[in-house]
């Protein structure tokens, strides 16, 4: 993965074992519910799972591929900052669902 941990050195980041590197899309500002109700940015949301994009996988990851979207609990994950961007590092077993274009198996639900 061609990310650099700081500006002085360009190092390749290789995830180990069953780890995933995930970028969670920012949800700054207000948002709308499916019914059209405006939810302010200051509204507290209870325990809510989130979707994120997989940017890297370790060599022991079995089901998740780079480019997949994964559903996970953001409160249970570790954050890392690389070049001013925040990413999440998690184990594959912490992923609740995968959304991908591969049609190997699934529930028949589509995002």
PDB file of N, CA and C in Angstrom:
ATOM      1  N   UNK A   1       0.850  -1.159   0.000  1.00  0.00           N
ATOM      2  CA  UNK A   1       0.000   0.000   0.000  1.00  0.00           C
ATOM      3  C   UNK A   1       0.900   1.228   0.000  1.00  0.00           C
ATOM      4  N   UNK A   2       0.751   2.123  -0.952  1.00  0.00           N
ATOM      5  CA  UNK A   2       1.674   3.242  -1.094  1.00  0.00           C
ATOM      6  C   UNK A   2       1.343   4.439  -0.224  1.00  0.00           C
ATOM      7  N   UNK A   3       1.070   4.234   1.033  1.00  0.00           N
ATOM      8  CA  UNK A   3       0.843   5.335   1.960  1.00  0.00           C
ATOM      9  C   UNK A   3       2.130   5.602   2.712  1.00  0.00           C
ATOM     10  N   UNK A   4       2.288   6.795   3.188  1.00  0.00           N
ATOM     11  CA  UNK A   4       3.501   7.146   3.893  1.00  0.00           C
ATOM     12  C   UNK A   4       3.153   7.580   5.311  1.00  0.00           C
ATOM     13  N   UNK A   5       3.799   7.014   6.332  1.00  0.00           N
ATOM     14  CA  UNK A   5       3.461   7.372   7.703  1.00  0.00           C
ATOM     15  C   UNK A   5       3.862   8.790   8.085  1.00  0.00           C
ATOM     16  N   UNK A   6       4.786   9.383   7.395  1.00  0.00           N
ATOM     17  CA  UNK A   6       5.149  10.780   7.644  1.00  0.00           C
ATOM     18  C   UNK A   6       5.715  11.368   6.367  1.00  0.00           C
ATOM     19  N   UNK A   7       6.002  12.657   6.376  1.00  0.00           N
ATOM     20  CA  UNK A   7       6.457  13.337   5.165  1.00  0.00           C
ATOM     21  C   UNK A   7       7.921  13.075   4.842  1.00  0.00           C
ATOM     22  N   UNK A   8       8.728  12.639   5.814  1.00  0.00           N
ATOM     23  CA  UNK A   8      10.156  12.469   5.597  1.00  0.00           C
ATOM     24  C   UNK A   8      10.513  11.183   4.862  1.00  0.00           C
ATOM     25  N   UNK A   9       9.770  10.130   5.086  1.00  0.00           N
ATOM     26  CA  UNK A   9      10.101   8.839   4.503  1.00  0.00           C
ATOM     27  C   UNK A   9       8.896   8.268   3.776  1.00  0.00           C
ATOM     28  N   UNK A  10       9.142   7.670   2.642  1.00  0.00           N
ATOM     29  CA  UNK A  10       8.091   6.964   1.916  1.00  0.00           C
ATOM     30  C   UNK A  10       8.269   5.487   2.199  1.00  0.00           C
ATOM     31  N   UNK A  11       7.367   4.916   2.967  1.00  0.00           N
ATOM     32  CA  UNK A  11       7.422   3.510   3.333  1.00  0.00           C
ATOM     33  C   UNK A  11       6.153   2.818   2.872  1.00  0.00           C
ATOM     34  N   UNK A  12       6.294   1.593   2.416  1.00  0.00           N
ATOM     35  CA  UNK A  12       5.134   0.807   2.056  1.00  0.00           C
ATOM     36  C   UNK A  12       4.539   0.213   3.320  1.00  0.00           C
ATOM     37  N   UNK A  13       3.234   0.329   3.462  1.00  0.00           N
ATOM     38  CA  UNK A  13       2.549  -0.227   4.624  1.00  0.00           C
ATOM     39  C   UNK A  13       1.995  -1.582   4.231  1.00  0.00           C
ATOM     40  N   UNK A  14       2.418  -2.606   4.931  1.00  0.00           N
ATOM     41  CA  UNK A  14       1.932  -3.964   4.683  1.00  0.00           C
ATOM     42  C   UNK A  14       1.209  -4.441   5.936  1.00  0.00           C
ATOM     43  N   UNK A  15      -0.070  -4.723   5.798  1.00  0.00           N
ATOM     44  CA  UNK A  15      -0.853  -5.186   6.938  1.00  0.00           C
ATOM     45  C   UNK A  15      -0.513  -6.637   7.236  1.00  0.00           C
ATOM     46  N   UNK A  16      -0.521  -6.978   8.502  1.00  0.00           N
ATOM     47  CA  UNK A  16      -0.149  -8.317   8.927  1.00  0.00           C
ATOM     48  C   UNK A  16      -1.375  -9.138   9.293  1.00  0.00           C
ATOM     49  N   UNK A  17      -1.234 -10.437   9.195  1.00  0.00           N
ATOM     50  CA  UNK A  17      -2.199 -11.425   9.662  1.00  0.00           C
ATOM     51  C   UNK A  17      -3.603 -11.162   9.115  1.00  0.00           C
ATOM     52  N   UNK A  18      -4.588 -10.984   9.992  1.00  0.00           N
ATOM     53  CA  UNK A  18      -5.982 -10.832   9.560  1.00  0.00           C
ATOM     54  C   UNK A  18      -6.460  -9.387   9.674  1.00  0.00           C
ATOM     55  N   UNK A  19      -5.548  -8.441   9.520  1.00  0.00           N
ATOM     56  CA  UNK A  19      -5.899  -7.024   9.694  1.00  0.00           C
ATOM     57  C   UNK A  19      -6.397  -6.403   8.397  1.00  0.00           C
ATOM     58  N   UNK A  20      -7.295  -5.416   8.554  1.00  0.00           N
ATOM     59  CA  UNK A  20      -7.837  -4.646   7.446  1.00  0.00           C
ATOM     60  C   UNK A  20      -7.565  -3.175   7.698  1.00  0.00           C
ATOM     61  N   UNK A  21      -7.292  -2.431   6.646  1.00  0.00           N
ATOM     62  CA  UNK A  21      -7.187  -0.977   6.720  1.00  0.00           C
ATOM     63  C   UNK A  21      -8.422  -0.417   6.034  1.00  0.00           C
ATOM     64  N   UNK A  22      -9.211   0.359   6.772  1.00  0.00           N
ATOM     65  CA  UNK A  22     -10.510   0.821   6.294  1.00  0.00           C
ATOM     66  C   UNK A  22     -10.575   2.341   6.379  1.00  0.00           C
ATOM     67  N   UNK A  23     -11.122   2.953   5.344  1.00  0.00           N
ATOM     68  CA  UNK A  23     -11.385   4.390   5.338  1.00  0.00           C
ATOM     69  C   UNK A  23     -12.877   4.576   5.498  1.00  0.00           C
ATOM     70  N   UNK A  24     -13.251   5.251   6.568  1.00  0.00           N
ATOM     71  CA  UNK A  24     -14.666   5.517   6.825  1.00  0.00           C
ATOM     72  C   UNK A  24     -15.005   6.864   6.214  1.00  0.00           C
ATOM     73  N   UNK A  25     -15.992   6.898   5.310  1.00  0.00           N
ATOM     74  CA  UNK A  25     -16.356   8.185   4.710  1.00  0.00           C
ATOM     75  C   UNK A  25     -16.788   9.173   5.775  1.00  0.00           C
ATOM     76  N   UNK A  26     -16.333  10.402   5.677  1.00  0.00           N
ATOM     77  CA  UNK A  26     -16.693  11.426   6.650  1.00  0.00           C
ATOM     78  C   UNK A  26     -18.156  11.781   6.552  1.00  0.00           C
ATOM     79  N   UNK A  27     -18.778  11.950   7.700  1.00  0.00           N
ATOM     80  CA  UNK A  27     -20.186  12.349   7.735  1.00  0.00           C
ATOM     81  C   UNK A  27     -20.318  13.662   8.493  1.00  0.00           C
ATOM     82  N   UNK A  28     -19.478  14.632   8.129  1.00  0.00           N
ATOM     83  CA  UNK A  28     -19.574  15.922   8.789  1.00  0.00           C
ATOM     84  C   UNK A  28     -20.822  16.643   8.300  1.00  0.00           C
ATOM     85  N   UNK A  29     -21.367  17.471   9.149  1.00  0.00           N
ATOM     86  CA  UNK A  29     -22.529  18.265   8.787  1.00  0.00           C
ATOM     87  C   UNK A  29     -23.819  17.500   8.968  1.00  0.00           C
ATOM     88  N   UNK A  30     -24.881  18.137   8.562  1.00  0.00           N
ATOM     89  CA  UNK A  30     -26.182  17.517   8.728  1.00  0.00           C
ATOM     90  C   UNK A  30     -26.414  16.472   7.644  1.00  0.00           C
ATOM     91  N   UNK A  31     -27.364  15.593   7.911  1.00  0.00           N
ATOM     92  CA  UNK A  31     -27.712  14.558   6.948  1.00  0.00           C
ATOM     93  C   UNK A  31     -29.216  14.414   6.931  1.00  0.00           C
ATOM     94  N   UNK A  32     -29.730  13.667   5.979  1.00  0.00           N
ATOM     95  CA  UNK A  32     -31.185  13.481   5.849  1.00  0.00           C
ATOM     96  C   UNK A  32     -31.534  12.013   6.045  1.00  0.00           C
ATOM     97  N   UNK A  33     -32.658  11.793   6.710  1.00  0.00           N
ATOM     98  CA  UNK A  33     -33.176  10.433   6.842  1.00  0.00           C
ATOM     99  C   UNK A  33     -33.829  10.048   5.516  1.00  0.00           C
ATOM    100  N   UNK A  34     -34.175   8.774   5.372  1.00  0.00           N
ATOM    101  CA  UNK A  34     -34.821   8.335   4.131  1.00  0.00           C
ATOM    102  C   UNK A  34     -36.186   8.992   3.948  1.00  0.00           C
ATOM    103  N   UNK A  35     -36.788   9.465   5.042  1.00  0.00           N
ATOM    104  CA  UNK A  35     -38.073  10.162   4.970  1.00  0.00           C
ATOM    105  C   UNK A  35     -37.949  11.653   4.706  1.00  0.00           C
ATOM    106  N   UNK A  36     -36.705  12.157   4.613  1.00  0.00           N
ATOM    107  CA  UNK A  36     -36.490  13.564   4.309  1.00  0.00           C
ATOM    108  C   UNK A  36     -36.292  14.458   5.520  1.00  0.00           C
ATOM    109  N   UNK A  37     -36.250  13.877   6.710  1.00  0.00           N
ATOM    110  CA  UNK A  37     -36.054  14.665   7.920  1.00  0.00           C
ATOM    111  C   UNK A  37     -34.578  15.043   8.033  1.00  0.00           C
ATOM    112  N   UNK A  38     -34.296  16.326   8.300  1.00  0.00           N
ATOM    113  CA  UNK A  38     -32.922  16.799   8.449  1.00  0.00           C
ATOM    114  C   UNK A  38     -32.430  16.466   9.855  1.00  0.00           C
ATOM    115  N   UNK A  39     -31.294  15.777   9.934  1.00  0.00           N
ATOM    116  CA  UNK A  39     -30.698  15.413  11.223  1.00  0.00           C
ATOM    117  C   UNK A  39     -29.452  16.262  11.401  1.00  0.00           C
ATOM    118  N   UNK A  40     -29.419  17.137  12.417  1.00  0.00           N
ATOM    119  CA  UNK A  40     -28.263  18.013  12.599  1.00  0.00           C
ATOM    120  C   UNK A  40     -27.005  17.234  12.970  1.00  0.00           C
ATOM    121  N   UNK A  41     -25.849  17.828  12.692  1.00  0.00           N
ATOM    122  CA  UNK A  41     -24.569  17.180  12.976  1.00  0.00           C
ATOM    123  C   UNK A  41     -24.365  16.948  14.464  1.00  0.00           C
ATOM    124  N   UNK A  42     -25.041  17.735  15.300  1.00  0.00           N
ATOM    125  CA  UNK A  42     -24.872  17.614  16.749  1.00  0.00           C
ATOM    126  C   UNK A  42     -25.750  16.530  17.363  1.00  0.00           C
ATOM    127  N   UNK A  43     -26.610  15.899  16.571  1.00  0.00           N
ATOM    128  CA  UNK A  43     -27.510  14.866  17.104  1.00  0.00           C
ATOM    129  C   UNK A  43     -26.710  13.649  17.536  1.00  0.00           C
ATOM    130  N   UNK A  44     -27.022  13.149  18.719  1.00  0.00           N
ATOM    131  CA  UNK A  44     -26.365  11.948  19.242  1.00  0.00           C
ATOM    132  C   UNK A  44     -27.034  10.712  18.653  1.00  0.00           C
ATOM    133  N   UNK A  45     -26.229   9.825  18.119  1.00  0.00           N
ATOM    134  CA  UNK A  45     -26.743   8.568  17.579  1.00  0.00           C
ATOM    135  C   UNK A  45     -26.228   7.466  18.481  1.00  0.00           C
ATOM    136  N   UNK A  46     -27.113   6.557  18.875  1.00  0.00           N
ATOM    137  CA  UNK A  46     -26.716   5.452  19.735  1.00  0.00           C
ATOM    138  C   UNK A  46     -25.727   4.537  19.038  1.00  0.00           C
ATOM    139  N   UNK A  47     -25.545   3.371  19.592  1.00  0.00           N
ATOM    140  CA  UNK A  47     -24.621   2.408  18.998  1.00  0.00           C
ATOM    141  C   UNK A  47     -25.093   2.085  17.591  1.00  0.00           C
ATOM    142  N   UNK A  48     -24.305   2.515  16.634  1.00  0.00           N
ATOM    143  CA  UNK A  48     -24.683   2.364  15.240  1.00  0.00           C
ATOM    144  C   UNK A  48     -23.520   1.790  14.464  1.00  0.00           C
ATOM    145  N   UNK A  49     -23.785   0.786  13.647  1.00  0.00           N
ATOM    146  CA  UNK A  49     -22.749   0.230  12.785  1.00  0.00           C
ATOM    147  C   UNK A  49     -22.506   1.182  11.627  1.00  0.00           C
ATOM    148  N   UNK A  50     -21.324   1.114  11.052  1.00  0.00           N
ATOM    149  CA  UNK A  50     -20.948   2.022   9.969  1.00  0.00           C
ATOM    150  C   UNK A  50     -20.353   1.242   8.806  1.00  0.00           C
ATOM    151  N   UNK A  51     -20.426   1.831   7.613  1.00  0.00           N
ATOM    152  CA  UNK A  51     -19.813   1.258   6.420  1.00  0.00           C
ATOM    153  C   UNK A  51     -18.487   1.950   6.172  1.00  0.00           C
ATOM    154  N   UNK A  52     -17.525   1.197   5.667  1.00  0.00           N
ATOM    155  CA  UNK A  52     -16.228   1.762   5.308  1.00  0.00           C
ATOM    156  C   UNK A  52     -15.663   1.024   4.107  1.00  0.00           C
ATOM    157  N   UNK A  53     -14.712   1.659   3.428  1.00  0.00           N
ATOM    158  CA  UNK A  53     -14.080   1.094   2.241  1.00  0.00           C
ATOM    159  C   UNK A  53     -12.745   0.463   2.613  1.00  0.00           C
ATOM    160  N   UNK A  54     -12.521  -0.758   2.179  1.00  0.00           N
ATOM    161  CA  UNK A  54     -11.288  -1.487   2.486  1.00  0.00           C
ATOM    162  C   UNK A  54     -10.186  -1.026   1.541  1.00  0.00           C
ATOM    163  N   UNK A  55      -9.079  -0.538   2.119  1.00  0.00           N
ATOM    164  CA  UNK A  55      -7.944  -0.064   1.338  1.00  0.00           C
ATOM    165  C   UNK A  55      -6.774  -1.039   1.348  1.00  0.00           C
ATOM    166  N   UNK A  56      -6.754  -1.945   2.322  1.00  0.00           N
ATOM    167  CA  UNK A  56      -5.668  -2.915   2.404  1.00  0.00           C
ATOM    168  C   UNK A  56      -6.079  -4.090   3.263  1.00  0.00           C
ATOM    169  N   UNK A  57      -5.480  -5.250   2.979  1.00  0.00           N
ATOM    170  CA  UNK A  57      -5.768  -6.462   3.743  1.00  0.00           C
ATOM    171  C   UNK A  57      -4.473  -7.189   4.053  1.00  0.00           C
ATOM    172  N   UNK A  58      -4.445  -7.877   5.185  1.00  0.00           N
ATOM    173  CA  UNK A  58      -3.308  -8.700   5.556  1.00  0.00           C
ATOM    174  C   UNK A  58      -3.320 -10.012   4.785  1.00  0.00           C
ATOM    175  N   UNK A  59      -2.235 -10.762   4.866  1.00  0.00           N
ATOM    176  CA  UNK A  59      -2.115 -11.982   4.064  1.00  0.00           C
ATOM    177  C   UNK A  59      -2.957 -13.144   4.585  1.00  0.00           C
ATOM    178  N   UNK A  60      -3.534 -13.069   5.767  1.00  0.00           N
ATOM    179  CA  UNK A  60      -4.393 -14.133   6.286  1.00  0.00           C
ATOM    180  C   UNK A  60      -5.884 -13.800   6.200  1.00  0.00           C
ATOM    181  N   UNK A  61      -6.231 -12.722   5.553  1.00  0.00           N
ATOM    182  CA  UNK A  61      -7.633 -12.349   5.383  1.00  0.00           C
ATOM    183  C   UNK A  61      -8.237 -13.251   4.313  1.00  0.00           C
ATOM    184  N   UNK A  62      -9.416 -13.820   4.601  1.00  0.00           N
ATOM    185  CA  UNK A  62     -10.003 -14.817   3.699  1.00  0.00           C
ATOM    186  C   UNK A  62     -11.156 -14.294   2.851  1.00  0.00           C
ATOM    187  N   UNK A  63     -12.046 -13.514   3.443  1.00  0.00           N
ATOM    188  CA  UNK A  63     -13.288 -13.158   2.754  1.00  0.00           C
ATOM    189  C   UNK A  63     -13.325 -11.746   2.210  1.00  0.00           C
ATOM    190  N   UNK A  64     -12.540 -10.856   2.752  1.00  0.00           N
ATOM    191  CA  UNK A  64     -12.599  -9.441   2.389  1.00  0.00           C
ATOM    192  C   UNK A  64     -11.492  -9.132   1.386  1.00  0.00           C
ATOM    193  N   UNK A  65     -11.835  -8.330   0.375  1.00  0.00           N
ATOM    194  CA  UNK A  65     -10.873  -7.919  -0.651  1.00  0.00           C
ATOM    195  C   UNK A  65     -10.769  -6.395  -0.660  1.00  0.00           C
ATOM    196  N   UNK A  66      -9.646  -5.886  -1.165  1.00  0.00           N
ATOM    197  CA  UNK A  66      -9.487  -4.445  -1.335  1.00  0.00           C
ATOM    198  C   UNK A  66     -10.587  -3.952  -2.272  1.00  0.00           C
ATOM    199  N   UNK A  67     -11.234  -2.869  -1.895  1.00  0.00           N
ATOM    200  CA  UNK A  67     -12.322  -2.305  -2.681  1.00  0.00           C
ATOM    201  C   UNK A  67     -13.703  -2.666  -2.153  1.00  0.00           C
ATOM    202  N   UNK A  68     -13.797  -3.676  -1.279  1.00  0.00           N
ATOM    203  CA  UNK A  68     -15.081  -4.035  -0.680  1.00  0.00           C
ATOM    204  C   UNK A  68     -15.520  -2.954   0.300  1.00  0.00           C
ATOM    205  N   UNK A  69     -16.815  -2.881   0.548  1.00  0.00           N
ATOM    206  CA  UNK A  69     -17.352  -2.052   1.630  1.00  0.00           C
ATOM    207  C   UNK A  69     -17.716  -2.993   2.752  1.00  0.00           C
ATOM    208  N   UNK A  70     -17.319  -2.641   3.961  1.00  0.00           N
ATOM    209  CA  UNK A  70     -17.569  -3.512   5.107  1.00  0.00           C
ATOM    210  C   UNK A  70     -18.392  -2.781   6.162  1.00  0.00           C
ATOM    211  N   UNK A  71     -19.194  -3.554   6.880  1.00  0.00           N
ATOM    212  CA  UNK A  71     -20.032  -3.038   7.960  1.00  0.00           C
ATOM    213  C   UNK A  71     -19.394  -3.446   9.277  1.00  0.00           C
ATOM    214  N   UNK A  72     -19.189  -2.486  10.176  1.00  0.00           N
ATOM    215  CA  UNK A  72     -18.473  -2.736  11.421  1.00  0.00           C
ATOM    216  C   UNK A  72     -18.928  -1.759  12.486  1.00  0.00           C
ATOM    217  N   UNK A  73     -18.509  -2.008  13.727  1.00  0.00           N
ATOM    218  CA  UNK A  73     -18.795  -1.107  14.844  1.00  0.00           C
ATOM    219  C   UNK A  73     -17.606  -0.153  14.979  1.00  0.00           C
ATOM    220  N   UNK A  74     -17.752   1.124  14.645  1.00  0.00           N
ATOM    221  CA  UNK A  74     -16.620   2.045  14.694  1.00  0.00           C
ATOM    222  C   UNK A  74     -16.106   2.315  16.106  1.00  0.00           C
ATOM    223  N   UNK A  75     -16.923   2.081  17.109  1.00  0.00           N
ATOM    224  CA  UNK A  75     -16.487   2.338  18.487  1.00  0.00           C
ATOM    225  C   UNK A  75     -15.458   1.318  18.956  1.00  0.00           C
ATOM    226  N   UNK A  76     -15.425   0.155  18.328  1.00  0.00           N
ATOM    227  CA  UNK A  76     -14.511  -0.910  18.750  1.00  0.00           C
ATOM    228  C   UNK A  76     -13.217  -0.957  17.953  1.00  0.00           C
ATOM    229  N   UNK A  77     -12.957   0.013  17.080  1.00  0.00           N
ATOM    230  CA  UNK A  77     -11.804  -0.059  16.188  1.00  0.00           C
ATOM    231  C   UNK A  77     -10.699   0.903  16.612  1.00  0.00           C
ATOM    232  N   UNK A  78      -9.513   0.615  16.130  1.00  0.00           N
ATOM    233  CA  UNK A  78      -8.353   1.462  16.396  1.00  0.00           C
ATOM    234  C   UNK A  78      -8.141   2.412  15.224  1.00  0.00           C
ATOM    235  N   UNK A  79      -7.791   3.650  15.534  1.00  0.00           N
ATOM    236  CA  UNK A  79      -7.544   4.641  14.495  1.00  0.00           C
ATOM    237  C   UNK A  79      -6.055   4.856  14.320  1.00  0.00           C
ATOM    238  N   UNK A  80      -5.650   5.158  13.086  1.00  0.00           N
ATOM    239  CA  UNK A  80      -4.282   5.518  12.787  1.00  0.00           C
ATOM    240  C   UNK A  80      -4.322   6.702  11.820  1.00  0.00           C
ATOM    241  N   UNK A  81      -3.407   7.641  12.008  1.00  0.00           N
ATOM    242  CA  UNK A  81      -3.341   8.793  11.120  1.00  0.00           C
ATOM    243  C   UNK A  81      -2.135   8.645  10.208  1.00  0.00           C
ATOM    244  N   UNK A  82      -2.372   8.751   8.904  1.00  0.00           N
ATOM    245  CA  UNK A  82      -1.318   8.657   7.900  1.00  0.00           C
ATOM    246  C   UNK A  82      -1.471   9.850   6.979  1.00  0.00           C
ATOM    247  N   UNK A  83      -0.460  10.694   6.929  1.00  0.00           N
ATOM    248  CA  UNK A  83      -0.451  11.912   6.116  1.00  0.00           C
ATOM    249  C   UNK A  83      -1.702  12.759   6.335  1.00  0.00           C
ATOM    250  N   UNK A  84      -2.090  12.917   7.584  1.00  0.00           N
ATOM    251  CA  UNK A  84      -3.224  13.764   7.930  1.00  0.00           C
ATOM    252  C   UNK A  84      -4.586  13.123   7.720  1.00  0.00           C
ATOM    253  N   UNK A  85      -4.638  11.919   7.209  1.00  0.00           N
ATOM    254  CA  UNK A  85      -5.904  11.206   7.009  1.00  0.00           C
ATOM    255  C   UNK A  85      -6.078  10.169   8.109  1.00  0.00           C
ATOM    256  N   UNK A  86      -7.279   9.978   8.580  1.00  0.00           N
ATOM    257  CA  UNK A  86      -7.558   8.991   9.618  1.00  0.00           C
ATOM    258  C   UNK A  86      -8.104   7.717   8.986  1.00  0.00           C
ATOM    259  N   UNK A  87      -7.511   6.600   9.367  1.00  0.00           N
ATOM    260  CA  UNK A  87      -7.929   5.282   8.894  1.00  0.00           C
ATOM    261  C   UNK A  87      -8.224   4.408  10.103  1.00  0.00           C
ATOM    262  N   UNK A  88      -8.953   3.325   9.889  1.00  0.00           N
ATOM    263  CA  UNK A  88      -9.246   2.370  10.945  1.00  0.00           C
ATOM    264  C   UNK A  88      -8.512   1.070  10.648  1.00  0.00           C
ATOM    265  N   UNK A  89      -7.994   0.444  11.692  1.00  0.00           N
ATOM    266  CA  UNK A  89      -7.373  -0.872  11.582  1.00  0.00           C
ATOM    267  C   UNK A  89      -8.229  -1.832  12.389  1.00  0.00           C
ATOM    268  N   UNK A  90      -8.623  -2.938  11.779  1.00  0.00           N
ATOM    269  CA  UNK A  90      -9.483  -3.898  12.462  1.00  0.00           C
ATOM    270  C   UNK A  90      -9.147  -5.313  12.032  1.00  0.00           C
ATOM    271  N   UNK A  91      -9.646  -6.254  12.793  1.00  0.00           N
ATOM    272  CA  UNK A  91      -9.517  -7.669  12.433  1.00  0.00           C
ATOM    273  C   UNK A  91     -10.668  -8.049  11.508  1.00  0.00           C
ATOM    274  N   UNK A  92     -10.420  -9.032  10.678  1.00  0.00           N
ATOM    275  CA  UNK A  92     -11.471  -9.494   9.775  1.00  0.00           C
ATOM    276  C   UNK A  92     -12.685  -9.990  10.551  1.00  0.00           C
ATOM    277  N   UNK A  93     -12.482 -10.585  11.703  1.00  0.00           N
ATOM    278  CA  UNK A  93     -13.607 -11.117  12.488  1.00  0.00           C
ATOM    279  C   UNK A  93     -14.504 -10.022  13.058  1.00  0.00           C
ATOM    280  N   UNK A  94     -14.055  -8.758  13.042  1.00  0.00           N
ATOM    281  CA  UNK A  94     -14.872  -7.645  13.518  1.00  0.00           C
ATOM    282  C   UNK A  94     -15.821  -7.108  12.448  1.00  0.00           C
ATOM    283  N   UNK A  95     -15.745  -7.647  11.247  1.00  0.00           N
ATOM    284  CA  UNK A  95     -16.611  -7.220  10.146  1.00  0.00           C
ATOM    285  C   UNK A  95     -17.926  -7.988  10.231  1.00  0.00           C
ATOM    286  N   UNK A  96     -19.038  -7.267  10.171  1.00  0.00           N
ATOM    287  CA  UNK A  96     -20.366  -7.877  10.266  1.00  0.00           C
ATOM    288  C   UNK A  96     -20.929  -8.254   8.899  1.00  0.00           C
ATOM    289  N   UNK A  97     -20.575  -7.496   7.853  1.00  0.00           N
ATOM    290  CA  UNK A  97     -21.091  -7.776   6.506  1.00  0.00           C
ATOM    291  C   UNK A  97     -20.144  -7.172   5.483  1.00  0.00           C
ATOM    292  N   UNK A  98     -20.221  -7.690   4.266  1.00  0.00           N
ATOM    293  CA  UNK A  98     -19.403  -7.205   3.154  1.00  0.00           C
ATOM    294  C   UNK A  98     -20.337  -6.848   2.007  1.00  0.00           C
ATOM    295  N   UNK A  99     -20.129  -5.690   1.413  1.00  0.00           N
ATOM    296  CA  UNK A  99     -20.856  -5.301   0.205  1.00  0.00           C
ATOM    297  C   UNK A  99     -19.825  -5.224  -0.916  1.00  0.00           C
ATOM    298  N   UNK A 100     -19.998  -6.068  -1.935  1.00  0.00           N
ATOM    299  CA  UNK A 100     -19.049  -6.072  -3.044  1.00  0.00           C
ATOM    300  C   UNK A 100     -19.785  -6.405  -4.330  1.00  0.00           C
ATOM    301  N   UNK A 101     -19.100  -6.283  -5.436  1.00  0.00           N
ATOM    302  CA  UNK A 101     -19.695  -6.611  -6.720  1.00  0.00           C
ATOM    303  C   UNK A 101     -19.573  -8.094  -7.034  1.00  0.00           C
ATOM    304  N   UNK A 102     -18.842  -8.842  -6.216  1.00  0.00           N
ATOM    305  CA  UNK A 102     -18.731 -10.289  -6.422  1.00  0.00           C
ATOM    306  C   UNK A 102     -20.056 -10.933  -6.038  1.00  0.00           C
ATOM    307  N   UNK A 103     -20.529 -11.872  -6.810  1.00  0.00           N
ATOM    308  CA  UNK A 103     -21.823 -12.503  -6.541  1.00  0.00           C
ATOM    309  C   UNK A 103     -21.662 -13.965  -6.157  1.00  0.00           C
ATOM    310  N   UNK A 104     -20.662 -14.272  -5.353  1.00  0.00           N
ATOM    311  CA  UNK A 104     -20.408 -15.655  -4.944  1.00  0.00           C
ATOM    312  C   UNK A 104     -21.494 -16.167  -4.006  1.00  0.00           C
ATOM    313  N   UNK A 105     -21.915 -15.336  -3.089  1.00  0.00           N
ATOM    314  CA  UNK A 105     -22.956 -15.707  -2.134  1.00  0.00           C
ATOM    315  C   UNK A 105     -23.537 -14.421  -1.576  1.00  0.00           C
ATOM    316  N   UNK A 106     -24.625 -14.519  -0.880  1.00  0.00           N
ATOM    317  CA  UNK A 106     -25.185 -13.300  -0.307  1.00  0.00           C
ATOM    318  C   UNK A 106     -26.633 -13.471   0.078  1.00  0.00           C
ATOM    319  N   UNK A 107     -27.215 -12.383   0.509  1.00  0.00           N
ATOM    320  CA  UNK A 107     -28.594 -12.407   0.996  1.00  0.00           C
ATOM    321  C   UNK A 107     -29.581 -11.997  -0.084  1.00  0.00           C
ATOM    322  N   UNK A 108     -29.071 -11.448  -1.180  1.00  0.00           N
ATOM    323  CA  UNK A 108     -29.974 -10.928  -2.208  1.00  0.00           C
ATOM    324  C   UNK A 108     -30.321  -9.478  -1.984  1.00  0.00           C
ATOM    325  N   UNK A 109     -29.750  -8.852  -0.939  1.00  0.00           N
ATOM    326  CA  UNK A 109     -29.971  -7.429  -0.682  1.00  0.00           C
ATOM    327  C   UNK A 109     -28.918  -6.617  -1.412  1.00  0.00           C
ATOM    328  N   UNK A 110     -29.268  -5.439  -1.872  1.00  0.00           N
ATOM    329  CA  UNK A 110     -28.327  -4.593  -2.598  1.00  0.00           C
ATOM    330  C   UNK A 110     -28.334  -3.194  -2.009  1.00  0.00           C
ATOM    331  N   UNK A 111     -27.164  -2.577  -1.986  1.00  0.00           N
ATOM    332  CA  UNK A 111     -27.066  -1.184  -1.508  1.00  0.00           C
ATOM    333  C   UNK A 111     -27.248  -0.233  -2.656  1.00  0.00           C
TER     334      UNK A 111
END
